Every structure is written in C-alpha cells, then in structure tokens.
Amino acid sequence: MIIVGIDNHGEKRLDEYGPWQSDLPTEGQAGGDGMAYADWVVNTVKPFIDYKYRTKPERQSTLLAGSSMGGLITAYMGAAYPEVFGTLGVFSLCSWFSQRDFLRFIASHPLNKQTRLYIQTGTKEGDEADAAFISDMNQAYIDCALSYYQRTLEAGLPLTQIWLRILANETHSEYYWAKHFKEFLNFAFADQKFWQ
C-alpha cells in the first residue's frame, strides 16, 4: 500500500480546499481554488505517483480521504472524478462552508455505483469559537454528514456501498480521525481483511 499525504497551504487552506466561495458572510472571499487543487491532484500528482512507483492505478485501488475542509475537497473530488477514485473517506465533513453549491454539485454529479463511501462525524465537532459564524456547530456537522449521505443515495449510490458513522461525544480532532482510519481502510478493502 502506498499512502500519499499532501499538506495544506496553512492560511490558504480554506481557499485551497474550498471548491466554491463560502456561503458564510464571516468567511469573506474564502474558498474557490478547490477545483484547481483537485485538477492538480488528479492530473499531476496521481500520474507522477503511478509513473514513479509500482501502483495499481485503477479506480478500485485508488482511495481518497480527508477531514474537515479535507473532507469537503474529498467529497467534491469523488463526485468530480468518479472514474479515478474507488473509495472515499469523508471525516467531519464541513460542507457548511458552501452548503448550497456543494449539495447542488453532489446531486448533479453522482458517484460511480461501485464507489465505497465512508462518512464519519462526531456529535461534539464544534467549540465556543465556532459560534461566531454558526450558532450550533455540533448540529451543523451532523447535518452536513446526513445531507451528503442523503444526496448520494438520491443520486443512485447503493446503500450497501455507504458506511455512515455519527459517533457520540467525538470531537473535531486528529485523535478521532486517526482512531477511525483503520476502520475506513477495512471498509475500503472489505474483501481483503489484512488490517486486523
């Protein structure tokens, strides 16, 4: 297995991982560069990795995962490039960043019916600082996960291809994302139980 980690640009993270500009007035002009980022990953990074290393480049062997804004760009890329990615891991999806555009896109760009989709969120994703732009961030993350789940079902992804996890008292943190990553891999490779 080859895992490629791509760091974000720090203060430009919202722009880089946001395919659309934010719906929230508090976020100003944030977002909008995510489509270019996705194009770079699919048309520059992946071909380089496939050329440089002994990979299985087929979609069924190509996974994509991300958390928070990384979850947003993962969900976008899975829908924009259904021929490239066979499994998506969407952790703590923050589609509230541009919910209207996100849901329209997901509804009009169905995933490949063979795609495996793992969605994870906690019930305590928000904190006090989040109240400045969304009053109940905990509920917002749950709503994002449920809306995404519903739209993918409506767009034709079979229920058997989706694992939705809403977990009590889990927070917006690397600790919980890491805790569930092995579970995501087991789901991705359900027919090859090598992560015992």
Foldseek 3Di string as FASTA:
>chain_A
DDDDDDDAPVVLLQQQLACAAFPFVVSPRGHNNPVVNLCCCVPPVLVVCVVPDVADQFQLRAEQEDEASSLSSQLLSQQVCLRGHQEYHRELYQCNRHVVVSLVSCLVRAHDLRHAYEYEYEQAADDPVCCVTPNRVSVNSVVVLVSSVVSNVNSPRDPVRYDYYYHYPDYRDPVVVVVCVLVRVCSSPVVDPPSD
